[in-house]
Amino acid sequence: MQGPFALWSLFASAFISATLAPGGSEAVLAYLAHQARHEPQTLLFIATLGNTLGGVTTWLLGRLAAFRYPADSLARNHLKAVGSVRRYGDYLLLLSWLPVVGDGFCFAAGWLRLSFWWSLAAMAIGKGLRYGLIVYAFI
């Protein structure tokens, strides 16, 4: 992959993998970093931006769900994520990059109406650090 198509593919992969849909942006990032056709900082920025915006989308879905579904109507597996986010707050969103549970943390943070800006910052920091390690490992 070359040029803007590669960067758009990275962005889309990172975005999709941060929503409730499955995806694996790490492989795309590692491949592009190893090719060395793009600046590592550009790859890091694009991947972090896409993955953070995907996390924000999940956060917003949680916020919308809170209007319709009160706490007592949540499924048992959602209650675990909500309980964890209640306990640790925005700091738990530093781990929003984790497979399976990370999306639940973002959703629960929105559902609990945690601060949008603190949630955004925690997601961006956690996701950026994870992607930074991937870029560093493959350049």
C-alpha atoms as a PDB file:
ATOM      1  CA  MET A   1       0.000   0.000   0.000  1.00  0.00           C
ATOM      2  CA  GLN A   2       1.201   3.465  -0.831  1.00  0.00           C
ATOM      3  CA  GLY A   3       0.163   7.079  -0.675  1.00  0.00           C
ATOM      4  CA  PRO A   4      -3.085   8.391   0.724  1.00  0.00           C
ATOM      5  CA  PHE A   5      -4.854   5.057   0.219  1.00  0.00           C
ATOM      6  CA  ALA A   6      -2.559   3.488   2.802  1.00  0.00           C
ATOM      7  CA  LEU A   7      -3.214   6.248   5.315  1.00  0.00           C
ATOM      8  CA  TRP A   8      -6.979   6.142   4.750  1.00  0.00           C
ATOM      9  CA  SER A   9      -6.887   2.368   5.179  1.00  0.00           C
ATOM     10  CA  LEU A  10      -5.011   2.776   8.448  1.00  0.00           C
ATOM     11  CA  PHE A  11      -7.504   5.379   9.651  1.00  0.00           C
ATOM     12  CA  ALA A  12     -10.500   3.218   8.719  1.00  0.00           C
ATOM     13  CA  SER A  13      -8.991   0.118  10.301  1.00  0.00           C
ATOM     14  CA  ALA A  14      -8.187   2.002  13.518  1.00  0.00           C
ATOM     15  CA  PHE A  15     -11.643   3.576  13.643  1.00  0.00           C
ATOM     16  CA  ILE A  16     -13.520   0.328  13.070  1.00  0.00           C
ATOM     17  CA  SER A  17     -11.434  -1.614  15.568  1.00  0.00           C
ATOM     18  CA  ALA A  18     -12.326   0.917  18.287  1.00  0.00           C
ATOM     19  CA  THR A  19     -16.064   0.560  17.803  1.00  0.00           C
ATOM     20  CA  LEU A  20     -18.168  -2.408  18.783  1.00  0.00           C
ATOM     21  CA  ALA A  21     -17.249  -4.039  15.437  1.00  0.00           C
ATOM     22  CA  PRO A  22     -14.231  -6.354  15.421  1.00  0.00           C
ATOM     23  CA  GLY A  23     -11.042  -5.269  13.752  1.00  0.00           C
ATOM     24  CA  GLY A  24      -7.268  -5.375  13.974  1.00  0.00           C
ATOM     25  CA  SER A  25      -5.550  -2.112  13.189  1.00  0.00           C
ATOM     26  CA  GLU A  26      -2.300  -3.195  14.805  1.00  0.00           C
ATOM     27  CA  ALA A  27      -1.427  -5.422  11.841  1.00  0.00           C
ATOM     28  CA  VAL A  28      -2.069  -2.608   9.358  1.00  0.00           C
ATOM     29  CA  LEU A  29       0.035  -0.183  11.394  1.00  0.00           C
ATOM     30  CA  ALA A  30       2.876  -2.681  11.812  1.00  0.00           C
ATOM     31  CA  TYR A  31       2.881  -3.404   8.072  1.00  0.00           C
ATOM     32  CA  LEU A  32       2.976   0.276   7.130  1.00  0.00           C
ATOM     33  CA  ALA A  33       5.648   1.062   9.722  1.00  0.00           C
ATOM     34  CA  HIS A  34       7.795  -1.796   8.466  1.00  0.00           C
ATOM     35  CA  GLN A  35       7.458  -0.596   4.837  1.00  0.00           C
ATOM     36  CA  ALA A  36       8.951   2.769   5.887  1.00  0.00           C
ATOM     37  CA  ARG A  37       7.142   4.666   3.100  1.00  0.00           C
ATOM     38  CA  HIS A  38       5.528   7.061   5.559  1.00  0.00           C
ATOM     39  CA  GLU A  39       6.906   9.030   8.456  1.00  0.00           C
ATOM     40  CA  PRO A  40       6.441   7.124  11.735  1.00  0.00           C
ATOM     41  CA  GLN A  41       4.894  10.223  13.340  1.00  0.00           C
ATOM     42  CA  THR A  42       2.293  10.393  10.574  1.00  0.00           C
ATOM     43  CA  LEU A  43       1.372   6.741  11.039  1.00  0.00           C
ATOM     44  CA  LEU A  44       1.154   7.203  14.803  1.00  0.00           C
ATOM     45  CA  PHE A  45      -1.045  10.276  14.431  1.00  0.00           C
ATOM     46  CA  ILE A  46      -3.424   8.689  11.885  1.00  0.00           C
ATOM     47  CA  ALA A  47      -3.826   5.462  13.862  1.00  0.00           C
ATOM     48  CA  THR A  48      -4.334   7.281  17.168  1.00  0.00           C
ATOM     49  CA  LEU A  49      -6.819   9.712  15.626  1.00  0.00           C
ATOM     50  CA  GLY A  50      -8.878   6.968  14.002  1.00  0.00           C
ATOM     51  CA  ASN A  51      -8.894   4.748  17.076  1.00  0.00           C
ATOM     52  CA  THR A  52      -9.722   7.636  19.412  1.00  0.00           C
ATOM     53  CA  LEU A  53     -12.601   8.778  17.196  1.00  0.00           C
ATOM     54  CA  GLY A  54     -13.880   5.201  17.156  1.00  0.00           C
ATOM     55  CA  GLY A  55     -13.734   5.167  20.964  1.00  0.00           C
ATOM     56  CA  VAL A  56     -15.588   8.488  21.069  1.00  0.00           C
ATOM     57  CA  THR A  57     -18.269   6.975  18.822  1.00  0.00           C
ATOM     58  CA  THR A  58     -18.699   4.116  21.283  1.00  0.00           C
ATOM     59  CA  TRP A  59     -18.760   6.642  24.155  1.00  0.00           C
ATOM     60  CA  LEU A  60     -21.523   8.574  22.366  1.00  0.00           C
ATOM     61  CA  LEU A  61     -23.496   5.370  21.819  1.00  0.00           C
ATOM     62  CA  GLY A  62     -23.284   4.761  25.557  1.00  0.00           C
ATOM     63  CA  ARG A  63     -24.480   8.292  26.217  1.00  0.00           C
ATOM     64  CA  LEU A  64     -27.472   7.768  23.915  1.00  0.00           C
ATOM     65  CA  ALA A  65     -28.268   4.398  25.479  1.00  0.00           C
ATOM     66  CA  ALA A  66     -28.430   5.983  28.927  1.00  0.00           C
ATOM     67  CA  PHE A  67     -31.527   7.910  27.877  1.00  0.00           C
ATOM     68  CA  ARG A  68     -33.373   4.745  26.962  1.00  0.00           C
ATOM     69  CA  TYR A  69     -32.001   2.080  29.308  1.00  0.00           C
ATOM     70  CA  PRO A  70     -31.656   2.697  33.047  1.00  0.00           C
ATOM     71  CA  ALA A  71     -29.127   0.798  35.157  1.00  0.00           C
ATOM     72  CA  ASP A  72     -31.533  -1.957  36.194  1.00  0.00           C
ATOM     73  CA  SER A  73     -32.173  -2.926  32.570  1.00  0.00           C
ATOM     74  CA  LEU A  74     -28.540  -3.625  31.697  1.00  0.00           C
ATOM     75  CA  ALA A  75     -27.369  -7.139  30.970  1.00  0.00           C
ATOM     76  CA  ARG A  76     -25.077  -8.745  33.520  1.00  0.00           C
ATOM     77  CA  ASN A  77     -21.957  -8.483  31.316  1.00  0.00           C
ATOM     78  CA  HIS A  78     -22.568  -4.746  30.833  1.00  0.00           C
ATOM     79  CA  LEU A  79     -22.913  -4.272  34.576  1.00  0.00           C
ATOM     80  CA  LYS A  80     -19.313  -5.441  35.038  1.00  0.00           C
ATOM     81  CA  ALA A  81     -17.985  -2.756  32.704  1.00  0.00           C
ATOM     82  CA  VAL A  82     -20.190  -0.118  34.326  1.00  0.00           C
ATOM     83  CA  GLY A  83     -18.995  -1.174  37.786  1.00  0.00           C
ATOM     84  CA  SER A  84     -15.358  -0.974  36.728  1.00  0.00           C
ATOM     85  CA  VAL A  85     -15.811   2.464  35.180  1.00  0.00           C
ATOM     86  CA  ARG A  86     -17.696   3.673  38.271  1.00  0.00           C
ATOM     87  CA  ARG A  87     -14.840   2.475  40.436  1.00  0.00           C
ATOM     88  CA  TYR A  88     -11.878   3.788  38.417  1.00  0.00           C
ATOM     89  CA  GLY A  89     -13.483   6.596  36.417  1.00  0.00           C
ATOM     90  CA  ASP A  90     -11.792   8.169  33.428  1.00  0.00           C
ATOM     91  CA  TYR A  91      -8.474   6.539  34.308  1.00  0.00           C
ATOM     92  CA  LEU A  92      -9.845   3.189  33.180  1.00  0.00           C
ATOM     93  CA  LEU A  93     -10.157   4.637  29.671  1.00  0.00           C
ATOM     94  CA  LEU A  94      -6.357   4.586  29.455  1.00  0.00           C
ATOM     95  CA  LEU A  95      -7.007   0.872  28.842  1.00  0.00           C
ATOM     96  CA  SER A  96      -9.689   1.453  26.220  1.00  0.00           C
ATOM     97  CA  TRP A  97      -7.350  -0.098  23.637  1.00  0.00           C
ATOM     98  CA  LEU A  98      -7.712  -3.554  25.216  1.00  0.00           C
ATOM     99  CA  PRO A  99      -9.495  -6.107  23.060  1.00  0.00           C
ATOM    100  CA  VAL A 100     -13.071  -6.982  24.050  1.00  0.00           C
ATOM    101  CA  VAL A 101     -13.262  -4.989  27.321  1.00  0.00           C
ATOM    102  CA  GLY A 102     -11.956  -1.658  25.985  1.00  0.00           C
ATOM    103  CA  ASP A 103     -15.103  -1.005  23.955  1.00  0.00           C
ATOM    104  CA  GLY A 104     -17.193  -1.794  27.015  1.00  0.00           C
ATOM    105  CA  PHE A 105     -15.242   0.740  29.049  1.00  0.00           C
ATOM    106  CA  CYS A 106     -15.900   3.456  26.448  1.00  0.00           C
ATOM    107  CA  PHE A 107     -19.589   2.563  26.255  1.00  0.00           C
ATOM    108  CA  ALA A 108     -19.926   2.511  30.046  1.00  0.00           C
ATOM    109  CA  ALA A 109     -18.148   5.866  30.389  1.00  0.00           C
ATOM    110  CA  GLY A 110     -20.656   7.454  28.032  1.00  0.00           C
ATOM    111  CA  TRP A 111     -23.549   5.690  29.714  1.00  0.00           C
ATOM    112  CA  LEU A 112     -22.375   7.001  33.106  1.00  0.00           C
ATOM    113  CA  ARG A 113     -22.019  10.488  31.605  1.00  0.00           C
ATOM    114  CA  LEU A 114     -18.353  10.838  32.524  1.00  0.00           C
ATOM    115  CA  SER A 115     -16.719  14.035  31.329  1.00  0.00           C
ATOM    116  CA  PHE A 116     -16.399  13.992  27.555  1.00  0.00           C
ATOM    117  CA  TRP A 117     -13.090  15.874  27.549  1.00  0.00           C
ATOM    118  CA  TRP A 118     -11.423  13.764  30.246  1.00  0.00           C
ATOM    119  CA  SER A 119     -12.674  10.610  28.548  1.00  0.00           C
ATOM    120  CA  LEU A 120     -11.325  11.816  25.204  1.00  0.00           C
ATOM    121  CA  ALA A 121      -7.941  12.647  26.735  1.00  0.00           C
ATOM    122  CA  ALA A 122      -7.634   9.276  28.504  1.00  0.00           C
ATOM    123  CA  MET A 123      -8.612   7.369  25.358  1.00  0.00           C
ATOM    124  CA  ALA A 124      -6.149   9.328  23.197  1.00  0.00           C
ATOM    125  CA  ILE A 125      -3.273   8.866  25.653  1.00  0.00           C
ATOM    126  CA  GLY A 126      -3.808   5.136  26.093  1.00  0.00           C
ATOM    127  CA  LYS A 127      -4.325   4.452  22.416  1.00  0.00           C
ATOM    128  CA  GLY A 128      -1.404   6.694  21.417  1.00  0.00           C
ATOM    129  CA  LEU A 129       0.988   4.928  23.780  1.00  0.00           C
ATOM    130  CA  ARG A 130      -0.059   1.514  22.497  1.00  0.00           C
ATOM    131  CA  TYR A 131       0.340   2.571  18.853  1.00  0.00           C
ATOM    132  CA  GLY A 132       3.640   4.265  19.679  1.00  0.00           C
ATOM    133  CA  LEU A 133       5.016   0.959  20.924  1.00  0.00           C
ATOM    134  CA  ILE A 134       3.876  -0.774  17.741  1.00  0.00           C
ATOM    135  CA  VAL A 135       5.468   1.851  15.489  1.00  0.00           C
ATOM    136  CA  TYR A 136       8.687   1.746  17.506  1.00  0.00           C
ATOM    137  CA  ALA A 137       8.814  -2.051  17.296  1.00  0.00           C
ATOM    138  CA  PHE A 138       8.406  -2.144  13.507  1.00  0.00           C
ATOM    139  CA  ILE A 139      10.522   0.751  12.237  1.00  0.00           C
END
